C-alpha atoms as a PDB file:
ATOM      1  CA  MET A   1      22.107 -28.510  33.147  1.00  0.00           C
ATOM      2  CA  ARG A   2      23.875 -28.002  36.487  1.00  0.00           C
ATOM      3  CA  LYS A   3      22.011 -26.682  39.520  1.00  0.00           C
ATOM      4  CA  ASN A   4      23.532 -23.184  39.373  1.00  0.00           C
ATOM      5  CA  GLN A   5      22.606 -22.918  35.680  1.00  0.00           C
ATOM      6  CA  VAL A   6      18.997 -23.860  36.445  1.00  0.00           C
ATOM      7  CA  LEU A   7      18.817 -21.233  39.205  1.00  0.00           C
ATOM      8  CA  TYR A   8      20.330 -18.605  36.920  1.00  0.00           C
ATOM      9  CA  ALA A   9      17.785 -19.358  34.193  1.00  0.00           C
ATOM     10  CA  ILE A  10      14.910 -19.077  36.721  1.00  0.00           C
ATOM     11  CA  VAL A  11      16.211 -15.686  37.893  1.00  0.00           C
ATOM     12  CA  LEU A  12      16.401 -14.434  34.297  1.00  0.00           C
ATOM     13  CA  LEU A  13      12.831 -15.594  33.610  1.00  0.00           C
ATOM     14  CA  PHE A  14      11.495 -13.913  36.766  1.00  0.00           C
ATOM     15  CA  THR A  15      13.317 -10.690  35.874  1.00  0.00           C
ATOM     16  CA  ALA A  16      11.838 -10.702  32.366  1.00  0.00           C
ATOM     17  CA  ILE A  17       8.304 -11.125  33.746  1.00  0.00           C
ATOM     18  CA  LEU A  18       8.849  -8.336  36.290  1.00  0.00           C
ATOM     19  CA  ILE A  19      10.146  -5.895  33.671  1.00  0.00           C
ATOM     20  CA  PHE A  20       7.208  -6.701  31.401  1.00  0.00           C
ATOM     21  CA  LEU A  21       4.713  -6.005  34.192  1.00  0.00           C
ATOM     22  CA  LEU A  22       6.438  -2.783  35.202  1.00  0.00           C
ATOM     23  CA  GLY A  23       6.675  -1.670  31.573  1.00  0.00           C
ATOM     24  CA  CYS A  24       3.004  -2.050  30.708  1.00  0.00           C
ATOM     25  CA  GLY A  25       1.085   1.123  29.950  1.00  0.00           C
ATOM     26  CA  GLY A  26       1.990   3.875  27.524  1.00  0.00           C
ATOM     27  CA  GLY A  27       0.916   6.913  29.557  1.00  0.00           C
ATOM     28  CA  THR A  28      -2.186   9.109  29.479  1.00  0.00           C
ATOM     29  CA  LYS A  29      -2.962  10.841  26.189  1.00  0.00           C
ATOM     30  CA  ILE A  30      -2.776  14.654  26.432  1.00  0.00           C
ATOM     31  CA  GLN A  31      -3.357  17.552  24.044  1.00  0.00           C
ATOM     32  CA  MET A  32      -0.295  18.615  22.094  1.00  0.00           C
ATOM     33  CA  PRO A  33       0.402  22.390  22.123  1.00  0.00           C
ATOM     34  CA  LYS A  34      -0.845  24.254  19.080  1.00  0.00           C
ATOM     35  CA  GLY A  35       1.872  24.291  16.438  1.00  0.00           C
ATOM     36  CA  GLY A  36       3.613  21.220  17.856  1.00  0.00           C
ATOM     37  CA  VAL A  37       6.706  20.791  20.040  1.00  0.00           C
ATOM     38  CA  LYS A  38      10.451  21.085  19.420  1.00  0.00           C
ATOM     39  CA  LEU A  39      12.581  18.053  20.261  1.00  0.00           C
ATOM     40  CA  SER A  40      16.048  18.762  21.658  1.00  0.00           C
ATOM     41  CA  TYR A  41      18.688  17.293  23.954  1.00  0.00           C
ATOM     42  CA  LYS A  42      19.561  20.776  25.252  1.00  0.00           C
ATOM     43  CA  ASN A  43      17.572  20.438  28.491  1.00  0.00           C
ATOM     44  CA  ALA A  44      19.465  17.234  29.358  1.00  0.00           C
ATOM     45  CA  ILE A  45      22.841  19.004  29.596  1.00  0.00           C
ATOM     46  CA  GLY A  46      24.247  18.835  33.121  1.00  0.00           C
ATOM     47  CA  LYS A  47      22.038  15.908  34.155  1.00  0.00           C
ATOM     48  CA  THR A  48      22.749  12.230  34.794  1.00  0.00           C
ATOM     49  CA  PHE A  49      20.190   9.577  33.861  1.00  0.00           C
ATOM     50  CA  HIS A  50      19.987   5.976  35.063  1.00  0.00           C
ATOM     51  CA  TYR A  51      18.830   3.322  32.600  1.00  0.00           C
ATOM     52  CA  ARG A  52      18.073  -0.365  32.621  1.00  0.00           C
ATOM     53  CA  THR A  53      18.002  -2.484  29.460  1.00  0.00           C
ATOM     54  CA  ARG A  54      16.568  -5.957  29.052  1.00  0.00           C
ATOM     55  CA  VAL A  55      18.555  -7.981  26.492  1.00  0.00           C
ATOM     56  CA  ASP A  56      17.103 -10.934  24.607  1.00  0.00           C
ATOM     57  CA  LYS A  57      19.118 -12.261  21.637  1.00  0.00           C
ATOM     58  CA  TYR A  58      19.017 -15.448  19.588  1.00  0.00           C
ATOM     59  CA  ILE A  59      22.100 -16.194  17.474  1.00  0.00           C
ATOM     60  CA  GLN A  60      22.667 -19.057  15.050  1.00  0.00           C
ATOM     61  CA  THR A  61      26.066 -19.577  13.416  1.00  0.00           C
ATOM     62  CA  SER A  62      26.973 -22.075  10.701  1.00  0.00           C
ATOM     63  CA  GLN A  63      30.684 -22.421  10.075  1.00  0.00           C
ATOM     64  CA  GLN A  64      33.019 -25.263   9.130  1.00  0.00           C
ATOM     65  CA  GLY A  65      30.062 -27.636   8.804  1.00  0.00           C
ATOM     66  CA  ALA A  66      28.818 -27.042  12.354  1.00  0.00           C
ATOM     67  CA  THR A  67      25.771 -25.106  13.592  1.00  0.00           C
ATOM     68  CA  ILE A  68      25.965 -23.330  16.936  1.00  0.00           C
ATOM     69  CA  THR A  69      23.080 -21.564  18.677  1.00  0.00           C
ATOM     70  CA  ARG A  70      23.466 -18.973  21.411  1.00  0.00           C
ATOM     71  CA  LEU A  71      21.000 -17.198  23.681  1.00  0.00           C
ATOM     72  CA  VAL A  72      22.102 -13.921  25.243  1.00  0.00           C
ATOM     73  CA  LYS A  73      19.714 -12.880  28.020  1.00  0.00           C
ATOM     74  CA  GLY A  74      19.786 -10.596  31.015  1.00  0.00           C
ATOM     75  CA  ASP A  75      19.848  -7.009  32.274  1.00  0.00           C
ATOM     76  CA  VAL A  76      22.294  -4.143  31.849  1.00  0.00           C
ATOM     77  CA  LYS A  77      22.244  -1.037  34.049  1.00  0.00           C
ATOM     78  CA  PHE A  78      24.119   2.078  33.000  1.00  0.00           C
ATOM     79  CA  THR A  79      24.208   5.834  33.555  1.00  0.00           C
ATOM     80  CA  ILE A  80      24.418   8.615  30.989  1.00  0.00           C
ATOM     81  CA  SER A  81      25.863  11.977  31.974  1.00  0.00           C
ATOM     82  CA  VAL A  82      25.125  14.658  29.390  1.00  0.00           C
ATOM     83  CA  GLU A  83      27.564  17.502  28.733  1.00  0.00           C
ATOM     84  CA  GLU A  84      27.770  20.281  26.190  1.00  0.00           C
ATOM     85  CA  GLY A  85      29.813  19.387  23.115  1.00  0.00           C
ATOM     86  CA  ASP A  86      32.714  21.221  21.485  1.00  0.00           C
ATOM     87  CA  SER A  87      30.595  22.696  18.678  1.00  0.00           C
ATOM     88  CA  ALA A  88      27.280  24.531  18.692  1.00  0.00           C
ATOM     89  CA  GLY A  89      24.404  22.154  19.283  1.00  0.00           C
ATOM     90  CA  GLU A  90      26.563  19.113  20.058  1.00  0.00           C
ATOM     91  CA  VAL A  91      26.166  17.093  23.242  1.00  0.00           C
ATOM     92  CA  LYS A  92      28.440  14.494  24.773  1.00  0.00           C
ATOM     93  CA  MET A  93      26.857  11.492  26.458  1.00  0.00           C
ATOM     94  CA  LYS A  94      29.186   9.773  28.904  1.00  0.00           C
ATOM     95  CA  TYR A  95      28.129   6.175  29.505  1.00  0.00           C
ATOM     96  CA  ARG A  96      29.141   4.095  32.501  1.00  0.00           C
ATOM     97  CA  PHE A  97      28.051   0.436  32.593  1.00  0.00           C
ATOM     98  CA  GLU A  98      27.449  -0.250  36.275  1.00  0.00           C
ATOM     99  CA  ASN A  99      25.855  -3.716  36.237  1.00  0.00           C
ATOM    100  CA  VAL A 100      26.028  -6.265  33.427  1.00  0.00           C
ATOM    101  CA  ASP A 101      23.961  -9.252  34.532  1.00  0.00           C
ATOM    102  CA  VAL A 102      23.883 -11.115  31.219  1.00  0.00           C
ATOM    103  CA  GLY A 103      24.186 -14.838  30.558  1.00  0.00           C
ATOM    104  CA  VAL A 104      25.323 -16.482  27.316  1.00  0.00           C
ATOM    105  CA  PHE A 105      23.851 -19.940  26.710  1.00  0.00           C
ATOM    106  CA  GLN A 106      25.478 -22.010  23.954  1.00  0.00           C
ATOM    107  CA  ASN A 107      23.467 -25.086  22.949  1.00  0.00           C
ATOM    108  CA  ASP A 108      21.527 -24.691  26.250  1.00  0.00           C
ATOM    109  CA  GLN A 109      24.685 -24.560  28.395  1.00  0.00           C
ATOM    110  CA  LEU A 110      25.727 -21.432  30.312  1.00  0.00           C
ATOM    111  CA  GLN A 111      29.092 -20.228  28.988  1.00  0.00           C
ATOM    112  CA  SER A 112      31.640 -17.689  30.138  1.00  0.00           C
ATOM    113  CA  SER A 113      31.832 -14.654  27.847  1.00  0.00           C
ATOM    114  CA  GLU A 114      34.746 -12.275  27.418  1.00  0.00           C
ATOM    115  CA  GLU A 115      32.443  -9.833  25.618  1.00  0.00           C
ATOM    116  CA  VAL A 116      30.177  -9.639  28.687  1.00  0.00           C
ATOM    117  CA  GLU A 117      33.145  -9.282  31.038  1.00  0.00           C
ATOM    118  CA  ASP A 118      34.638  -6.492  28.901  1.00  0.00           C
ATOM    119  CA  MET A 119      31.490  -4.382  29.400  1.00  0.00           C
ATOM    120  CA  LYS A 120      31.617  -4.382  33.180  1.00  0.00           C
ATOM    121  CA  ASP A 121      32.612  -0.940  34.553  1.00  0.00           C
ATOM    122  CA  LEU A 122      33.260   0.248  30.994  1.00  0.00           C
ATOM    123  CA  GLU A 123      33.123   3.996  30.312  1.00  0.00           C
ATOM    124  CA  ILE A 124      32.619   5.444  26.828  1.00  0.00           C
ATOM    125  CA  THR A 125      31.608   8.816  25.386  1.00  0.00           C
ATOM    126  CA  ALA A 126      29.254   9.314  22.432  1.00  0.00           C
ATOM    127  CA  THR A 127      29.122  12.705  20.717  1.00  0.00           C
ATOM    128  CA  LEU A 128      25.797  13.660  19.117  1.00  0.00           C
ATOM    129  CA  ASP A 129      25.357  16.488  16.626  1.00  0.00           C
ATOM    130  CA  SER A 130      22.588  19.084  16.886  1.00  0.00           C
ATOM    131  CA  GLU A 131      20.152  16.653  15.204  1.00  0.00           C
ATOM    132  CA  GLY A 132      20.833  13.852  17.686  1.00  0.00           C
ATOM    133  CA  THR A 133      22.927  11.662  15.376  1.00  0.00           C
ATOM    134  CA  THR A 134      26.010   9.969  16.836  1.00  0.00           C
ATOM    135  CA  ILE A 135      29.095  11.321  15.084  1.00  0.00           C
ATOM    136  CA  ASP A 136      31.843   9.924  17.307  1.00  0.00           C
ATOM    137  CA  VAL A 137      32.371   7.290  20.008  1.00  0.00           C
ATOM    138  CA  GLU A 138      35.401   7.465  22.298  1.00  0.00           C
ATOM    139  CA  GLY A 139      36.673   4.491  24.268  1.00  0.00           C
ATOM    140  CA  LEU A 140      35.870   1.800  21.680  1.00  0.00           C
ATOM    141  CA  ASP A 141      37.502   0.258  18.619  1.00  0.00           C
ATOM    142  CA  LEU A 142      34.645   0.396  16.084  1.00  0.00           C
ATOM    143  CA  GLU A 143      36.097  -2.331  13.848  1.00  0.00           C
ATOM    144  CA  GLU A 144      36.492  -4.670  16.818  1.00  0.00           C
ATOM    145  CA  GLU A 145      32.976  -3.945  18.091  1.00  0.00           C
ATOM    146  CA  LEU A 146      31.339  -4.662  14.722  1.00  0.00           C
ATOM    147  CA  GLN A 147      32.921  -8.127  14.759  1.00  0.00           C
ATOM    148  CA  LYS A 148      31.612  -9.126  18.186  1.00  0.00           C
ATOM    149  CA  GLU A 149      29.248 -12.087  18.133  1.00  0.00           C
ATOM    150  CA  GLU A 150      27.438 -11.887  21.485  1.00  0.00           C
ATOM    151  CA  ILE A 151      27.141  -8.389  22.889  1.00  0.00           C
ATOM    152  CA  SER A 152      28.654  -4.944  22.332  1.00  0.00           C
ATOM    153  CA  PRO A 153      28.300  -1.603  24.147  1.00  0.00           C
ATOM    154  CA  LEU A 154      27.421  -0.096  20.747  1.00  0.00           C
ATOM    155  CA  GLU A 155      24.040  -1.844  21.052  1.00  0.00           C
ATOM    156  CA  PHE A 156      23.197   0.250  24.128  1.00  0.00           C
ATOM    157  CA  LEU A 157      23.795   3.699  22.633  1.00  0.00           C
ATOM    158  CA  LEU A 158      20.523   5.634  22.905  1.00  0.00           C
ATOM    159  CA  GLU A 159      20.346   7.454  19.590  1.00  0.00           C
ATOM    160  CA  PHE A 160      17.232   9.268  18.428  1.00  0.00           C
ATOM    161  CA  PRO A 161      17.849  11.607  15.441  1.00  0.00           C
ATOM    162  CA  LEU A 162      15.720  14.726  15.887  1.00  0.00           C
ATOM    163  CA  PRO A 163      14.071  16.824  13.162  1.00  0.00           C
ATOM    164  CA  GLN A 164      14.755  20.564  13.002  1.00  0.00           C
ATOM    165  CA  GLU A 165      11.049  21.417  12.746  1.00  0.00           C
ATOM    166  CA  LYS A 166       8.428  21.231  15.462  1.00  0.00           C
ATOM    167  CA  VAL A 167       6.567  17.922  15.436  1.00  0.00           C
ATOM    168  CA  THR A 168       2.908  17.045  15.773  1.00  0.00           C
ATOM    169  CA  VAL A 169       1.088  13.703  15.819  1.00  0.00           C
ATOM    170  CA  GLY A 170       1.431  12.264  12.319  1.00  0.00           C
ATOM    171  CA  TYR A 171       4.736  14.045  11.570  1.00  0.00           C
ATOM    172  CA  SER A 172       7.304  11.781   9.878  1.00  0.00           C
ATOM    173  CA  TRP A 173      10.937  12.022   8.776  1.00  0.00           C
ATOM    174  CA  HIS A 174      13.610   9.903   7.129  1.00  0.00           C
ATOM    175  CA  GLU A 175      17.262   9.382   8.092  1.00  0.00           C
ATOM    176  CA  GLU A 176      20.149   7.677   6.276  1.00  0.00           C
ATOM    177  CA  LYS A 177      23.593   7.228   7.773  1.00  0.00           C
ATOM    178  CA  ASP A 178      26.658   5.858   5.979  1.00  0.00           C
ATOM    179  CA  THR A 179      29.742   4.873   7.966  1.00  0.00           C
ATOM    180  CA  VAL A 180      33.043   3.663   6.513  1.00  0.00           C
ATOM    181  CA  VAL A 181      35.750   2.231   8.765  1.00  0.00           C
ATOM    182  CA  THR A 182      39.115   1.427   7.201  1.00  0.00           C
ATOM    183  CA  ASP A 183      42.577   0.486   8.316  1.00  0.00           C
ATOM    184  CA  GLU A 184      45.503  -1.258   6.611  1.00  0.00           C
ATOM    185  CA  ASP A 185      43.793  -4.668   6.863  1.00  0.00           C
ATOM    186  CA  MET A 186      40.025  -4.149   6.869  1.00  0.00           C
ATOM    187  CA  LYS A 187      37.236  -2.055   5.339  1.00  0.00           C
ATOM    188  CA  ILE A 188      33.701  -1.950   6.748  1.00  0.00           C
ATOM    189  CA  ASP A 189      30.870  -0.124   4.956  1.00  0.00           C
ATOM    190  CA  ARG A 190      27.752   0.387   7.073  1.00  0.00           C
ATOM    191  CA  LYS A 191      24.462   1.970   5.968  1.00  0.00           C
ATOM    192  CA  VAL A 192      21.484   2.443   8.274  1.00  0.00           C
ATOM    193  CA  VAL A 193      18.132   3.701   6.942  1.00  0.00           C
ATOM    194  CA  GLN A 194      15.385   4.692   9.394  1.00  0.00           C
ATOM    195  CA  ASN A 195      11.858   6.086   9.075  1.00  0.00           C
ATOM    196  CA  PHE A 196      10.227   7.862  12.029  1.00  0.00           C
ATOM    197  CA  LEU A 197       6.556   8.615  12.746  1.00  0.00           C
ATOM    198  CA  ILE A 198       5.162  10.555  15.727  1.00  0.00           C
ATOM    199  CA  THR A 199       2.125   8.561  16.879  1.00  0.00           C
ATOM    200  CA  ASP A 200       1.099  10.083  20.233  1.00  0.00           C
ATOM    201  CA  PHE A 201       1.632  12.732  22.913  1.00  0.00           C
ATOM    202  CA  VAL A 202       1.212  11.476  26.489  1.00  0.00           C
ATOM    203  CA  MET A 203       1.836  12.201  30.149  1.00  0.00           C
ATOM    204  CA  LEU A 204       4.125   9.472  31.487  1.00  0.00           C
ATOM    205  CA  ASP A 205       5.523   9.488  35.043  1.00  0.00           C
ATOM    206  CA  SER A 206       4.785  13.236  35.339  1.00  0.00           C
ATOM    207  CA  ALA A 207       6.611  13.997  32.069  1.00  0.00           C
ATOM    208  CA  ARG A 208       5.287  15.222  28.713  1.00  0.00           C
ATOM    209  CA  VAL A 209       6.381  12.609  26.198  1.00  0.00           C
ATOM    210  CA  VAL A 210       6.139  12.185  22.439  1.00  0.00           C
ATOM    211  CA  VAL A 211       5.818   8.608  21.174  1.00  0.00           C
ATOM    212  CA  CYS A 212       7.624   7.738  17.960  1.00  0.00           C
ATOM    213  CA  LYS A 213       7.554   4.500  15.959  1.00  0.00           C
ATOM    214  CA  LEU A 214      10.504   3.620  13.746  1.00  0.00           C
ATOM    215  CA  THR A 215      11.240   1.153  10.960  1.00  0.00           C
ATOM    216  CA  GLY A 216      14.339   0.706   8.891  1.00  0.00           C
ATOM    217  CA  SER A 217      17.108  -1.433   7.493  1.00  0.00           C
ATOM    218  CA  VAL A 218      20.826  -2.010   7.944  1.00  0.00           C
ATOM    219  CA  ASP A 219      23.418  -3.081   5.372  1.00  0.00           C
ATOM    220  CA  ILE A 220      27.039  -3.856   6.276  1.00  0.00           C
ATOM    221  CA  HIS A 221      29.830  -5.099   4.023  1.00  0.00           C
ATOM    222  CA  GLN A 222      33.098  -6.202   5.579  1.00  0.00           C
ATOM    223  CA  VAL A 223      36.141  -7.167   3.511  1.00  0.00           C
ATOM    224  CA  GLY A 224      39.813  -7.630   4.399  1.00  0.00           C
ATOM    225  CA  GLU A 225      42.092  -9.542   6.715  1.00  0.00           C
ATOM    226  CA  THR A 226      41.393 -10.551  10.282  1.00  0.00           C
ATOM    227  CA  GLU A 227      42.661 -13.060  12.842  1.00  0.00           C
ATOM    228  CA  GLN A 228      40.857 -15.739  14.844  1.00  0.00           C
ATOM    229  CA  ASP A 229      42.681 -17.731  17.536  1.00  0.00           C
ATOM    230  CA  GLY A 230      46.009 -16.825  15.965  1.00  0.00           C
ATOM    231  CA  THR A 231      44.996 -17.889  12.431  1.00  0.00           C
ATOM    232  CA  PRO A 232      44.886 -15.202   9.687  1.00  0.00           C
ATOM    233  CA  TYR A 233      41.795 -15.095   7.450  1.00  0.00           C
ATOM    234  CA  ASP A 234      40.751 -13.143   4.368  1.00  0.00           C
ATOM    235  CA  VAL A 235      37.027 -12.391   4.848  1.00  0.00           C
ATOM    236  CA  ASP A 236      34.218 -11.102   2.648  1.00  0.00           C
ATOM    237  CA  ILE A 237      30.944 -10.760   4.571  1.00  0.00           C
ATOM    238  CA  THR A 238      27.616  -9.066   3.826  1.00  0.00           C
ATOM    239  CA  MET A 239      25.093  -8.335   6.584  1.00  0.00           C
ATOM    240  CA  THR A 240      21.503  -7.253   5.913  1.00  0.00           C
ATOM    241  CA  GLY A 241      18.669  -6.739   8.337  1.00  0.00           C
ATOM    242  CA  ASP A 242      15.443  -5.055   9.378  1.00  0.00           C
ATOM    243  CA  ILE A 243      14.849  -2.689  12.288  1.00  0.00           C
ATOM    244  CA  LYS A 244      11.695  -1.699  14.101  1.00  0.00           C
ATOM    245  CA  GLY A 245      11.057  -0.077  17.443  1.00  0.00           C
ATOM    246  CA  GLU A 246       9.458   2.664  19.508  1.00  0.00           C
ATOM    247  CA  VAL A 247      10.864   5.669  21.362  1.00  0.00           C
ATOM    248  CA  TYR A 248       9.314   7.700  24.196  1.00  0.00           C
ATOM    249  CA  PHE A 249      11.046  11.110  24.383  1.00  0.00           C
ATOM    250  CA  ASP A 250      10.633  13.553  27.285  1.00  0.00           C
ATOM    251  CA  ILE A 251      10.366  16.977  25.638  1.00  0.00           C
ATOM    252  CA  ASP A 252      11.008  18.991  28.831  1.00  0.00           C
ATOM    253  CA  ASN A 253      14.044  17.058  30.080  1.00  0.00           C
ATOM    254  CA  GLY A 254      15.485  16.251  26.643  1.00  0.00           C
ATOM    255  CA  CYS A 255      15.898  12.526  27.213  1.00  0.00           C
ATOM    256  CA  ILE A 256      14.638   9.128  26.159  1.00  0.00           C
ATOM    257  CA  VAL A 257      12.456   7.565  28.856  1.00  0.00           C
ATOM    258  CA  ARG A 258      11.662   4.318  27.032  1.00  0.00           C
ATOM    259  CA  GLN A 259      12.965   2.607  23.935  1.00  0.00           C
ATOM    260  CA  THR A 260      12.332  -0.760  22.323  1.00  0.00           C
ATOM    261  CA  SER A 261      14.396  -2.096  19.463  1.00  0.00           C
ATOM    262  CA  ASP A 262      13.799  -5.245  17.402  1.00  0.00           C
ATOM    263  CA  LYS A 263      16.392  -6.307  14.836  1.00  0.00           C
ATOM    264  CA  MET A 264      16.813  -9.287  12.550  1.00  0.00           C
ATOM    265  CA  ILE A 265      20.239  -9.585  10.898  1.00  0.00           C
ATOM    266  CA  ASP A 266      21.216 -12.156   8.250  1.00  0.00           C
ATOM    267  CA  ILE A 267      24.924 -12.588   7.507  1.00  0.00           C
ATOM    268  CA  LYS A 268      26.405 -14.429   4.545  1.00  0.00           C
ATOM    269  CA  GLY A 269      29.952 -14.631   3.300  1.00  0.00           C
ATOM    270  CA  SER A 270      33.186 -16.555   3.233  1.00  0.00           C
ATOM    271  CA  GLN A 271      36.612 -16.644   4.780  1.00  0.00           C
ATOM    272  CA  ILE A 272      39.868 -17.995   3.415  1.00  0.00           C
ATOM    273  CA  ASN A 273      42.453 -19.490   5.757  1.00  0.00           C
ATOM    274  CA  GLU A 274      45.614 -17.709   4.650  1.00  0.00           C
ATOM    275  CA  ASP A 275      47.811 -20.500   6.031  1.00  0.00           C
ATOM    276  CA  THR A 276      46.108 -23.348   4.155  1.00  0.00           C
ATOM    277  CA  GLY A 277      44.205 -21.564   1.366  1.00  0.00           C
ATOM    278  CA  GLU A 278      40.974 -23.318   2.425  1.00  0.00           C
ATOM    279  CA  LYS A 279      37.783 -21.348   1.719  1.00  0.00           C
ATOM    280  CA  GLN A 280      34.940 -21.685   4.200  1.00  0.00           C
ATOM    281  CA  PRO A 281      31.352 -20.349   3.919  1.00  0.00           C
ATOM    282  CA  ILE A 282      29.936 -18.260   6.770  1.00  0.00           C
ATOM    283  CA  SER A 283      26.262 -18.154   7.716  1.00  0.00           C
ATOM    284  CA  TYR A 284      25.040 -16.161  10.714  1.00  0.00           C
ATOM    285  CA  TYR A 285      21.545 -15.191  11.879  1.00  0.00           C
ATOM    286  CA  ASN A 286      20.795 -12.805  14.714  1.00  0.00           C
ATOM    287  CA  GLN A 287      17.411 -11.878  16.184  1.00  0.00           C
ATOM    288  CA  GLU A 288      17.495  -9.437  19.069  1.00  0.00           C
ATOM    289  CA  LYS A 289      15.221  -7.338  21.225  1.00  0.00           C
ATOM    290  CA  PHE A 290      16.328  -4.563  23.566  1.00  0.00           C
ATOM    291  CA  GLN A 291      13.924  -2.923  26.032  1.00  0.00           C
ATOM    292  CA  THR A 292      15.319   0.193  27.711  1.00  0.00           C
ATOM    293  CA  ARG A 293      13.678   2.154  30.525  1.00  0.00           C
ATOM    294  CA  LEU A 294      14.695   5.257  32.453  1.00  0.00           C
ATOM    295  CA  GLU A 295      14.830   4.520  36.179  1.00  0.00           C
ATOM    296  CA  LYS A 296      13.852   7.264  38.622  1.00  0.00           C
END
């Protein structure tokens, strides 16, 4: 490994340790108001929030008889400006990625990454319905993003579906979301199932915060034609995975103050080279952890 790569790796390690130390502690337990609390993004409208996310991904790809491993590590800083949506209860979250300090290591060697470069200074807008579910994303091609192998701005969308009822410690709810993306060449079916459980009510950095644990699964099926390095392929890919994480939600300011997300995705399938007719198996494994924190 060259000298600059060694220095970069040391910086990433130091940053990870610092974030871990700063992130320790889950706040001081406080008494929840009688009857519970209502969760809403309404109080966030008109405000801008600054976030920092620690990215740690391990990717293993087996294709054409070769196995490639990648590590994607680093920090991403972005702002979210919240505006009122077009319909009652909707909010628009305008993201701006201000600093993308992420390295991609392939077989232990630091590599350049177009996907990382594409995120720098990127601006996108996510529209959330009254329950906090993302219903639209402007500024991105969803089909293209779902095919990215290293990093995508979709992974940084802070989405926390909110129940209509007031919540108390022990309250739970279930969410299922089906998304279908189609064009003349490709169809992508995506289903995400999540279970939420309120586990605590704490005072954190002078804010009243509910703590919610989540578990779930993701299933994606992609079929159709695509192109890689100028070569057309007919692909049929199935992706399955597990999700777990934790969300700290500020009930007075209507925003997420901390979020951790752990995902394990297993991808199996095949692709046929339309020029030669050769069929090739595809095997892809992805383990990722995202740690997001609101910065004051």
